[in-house]
Amino acid sequence: MEEVKVTRNYQITIPSTIRAKLNIRVGDKLLVYVENNKIIIEKKSGNITWLNLRLGRKFTDEDINKIIVEAGEEIGRNSSS
């Protein structure tokens, strides 16, 4: 466990030992949420670079989320018939 300070812009620095342990690099995305009165920060897993290369187009997180929602709606329609 390490202590960090919140700056006036409400930012924190992730200690180098933690960054190394989780292999956090510049540009990585982290998920932040509250659980039982604790702030949880997780490294976002999954890398869609292979998908972008294979399909020849750059997919964003928003593209992927839209595809997931549409697939869920399709499954819902198919399961009710």
Protein backbone atom coordinates (compact mmCIF):
# COMPACT_ATOMS: atom_id res chain seq x y z
CA MET A 1 0.00 0.00 0.00
CA GLU A 2 1.31 3.44 -0.91
CA GLU A 3 0.14 6.93 -0.06
CA VAL A 4 -0.54 9.50 -2.79
CA LYS A 5 -1.59 13.13 -2.60
CA VAL A 6 -4.57 14.65 -4.42
CA THR A 7 -3.51 17.82 -6.29
CA ARG A 8 -5.60 20.98 -6.53
CA ASN A 9 -6.91 19.64 -9.88
CA TYR A 10 -8.03 16.43 -8.10
CA GLN A 11 -5.31 14.37 -9.79
CA ILE A 12 -3.08 11.67 -8.30
CA THR A 13 0.14 10.09 -9.51
CA ILE A 14 0.26 6.32 -9.64
CA PRO A 15 3.47 5.25 -7.88
CA SER A 16 6.15 3.70 -10.09
CA THR A 17 6.05 0.41 -8.16
CA ILE A 18 2.33 0.04 -8.90
CA ARG A 19 2.78 1.07 -12.56
CA ALA A 20 5.51 -1.53 -12.97
CA LYS A 21 3.51 -4.28 -11.25
CA LEU A 22 0.49 -3.69 -13.53
CA ASN A 23 2.54 -2.76 -16.61
CA ILE A 24 0.75 0.59 -16.91
CA ARG A 25 2.09 2.68 -19.79
CA VAL A 26 1.40 6.18 -21.12
CA GLY A 27 -1.88 6.08 -23.06
CA ASP A 28 -3.32 3.08 -21.22
CA LYS A 29 -6.90 3.44 -20.04
CA LEU A 30 -7.92 2.79 -16.45
CA LEU A 31 -11.37 2.08 -15.03
CA VAL A 32 -12.28 4.03 -11.88
CA TYR A 33 -15.27 3.22 -9.69
CA VAL A 34 -16.45 3.21 -6.10
CA GLU A 35 -17.00 -0.04 -4.22
CA ASN A 36 -17.90 -0.18 -0.52
CA ASN A 37 -16.69 3.38 0.12
CA LYS A 38 -13.36 2.68 -1.66
CA ILE A 39 -12.05 4.11 -4.90
CA ILE A 40 -10.98 1.24 -7.16
CA ILE A 41 -8.68 1.83 -10.12
CA GLU A 42 -8.22 -1.05 -12.56
CA LYS A 43 -6.14 -1.30 -15.68
CA LYS A 44 -8.55 -1.75 -18.57
CA SER A 45 -7.94 -5.15 -20.10
CA GLY A 46 -8.24 -6.00 -23.72
CA ASN A 47 -6.47 -4.56 -26.68
CA ILE A 48 -8.24 -4.07 -29.97
CA THR A 49 -5.13 -3.23 -31.98
CA TRP A 50 -5.27 -6.67 -33.64
CA LEU A 51 -8.88 -5.99 -34.68
CA ASN A 52 -7.98 -2.61 -36.13
CA LEU A 53 -5.13 -4.15 -38.14
CA ARG A 54 -7.16 -7.12 -39.35
CA LEU A 55 -10.17 -5.11 -40.47
CA GLY A 56 -8.18 -2.17 -41.79
CA ARG A 57 -10.03 0.43 -39.74
CA LYS A 58 -9.60 2.03 -36.35
CA PHE A 59 -12.31 1.07 -33.87
CA THR A 60 -12.88 3.28 -30.81
CA ASP A 61 -14.22 2.23 -27.42
CA GLU A 62 -17.50 3.86 -28.46
CA ASP A 63 -17.63 1.68 -31.61
CA ILE A 64 -17.08 -1.46 -29.55
CA ASN A 65 -19.68 -0.45 -26.94
CA LYS A 66 -22.24 0.24 -29.69
CA ILE A 67 -21.57 -3.18 -31.25
CA ILE A 68 -22.03 -4.86 -27.85
CA VAL A 69 -25.34 -3.06 -27.22
CA GLU A 70 -26.63 -3.92 -30.71
CA ALA A 71 -25.61 -7.56 -30.28
CA GLY A 72 -27.42 -7.70 -26.92
CA GLU A 73 -30.56 -6.25 -28.48
CA GLU A 74 -30.35 -8.80 -31.30
CA ILE A 75 -29.99 -11.65 -28.83
CA GLY A 76 -32.99 -10.30 -26.90
CA ARG A 77 -35.11 -10.21 -30.06
CA ASN A 78 -34.08 -13.73 -31.06
CA SER A 79 -34.67 -15.25 -27.64
CA SER A 80 -38.24 -13.95 -27.41
CA SER A 81 -39.36 -15.57 -30.66
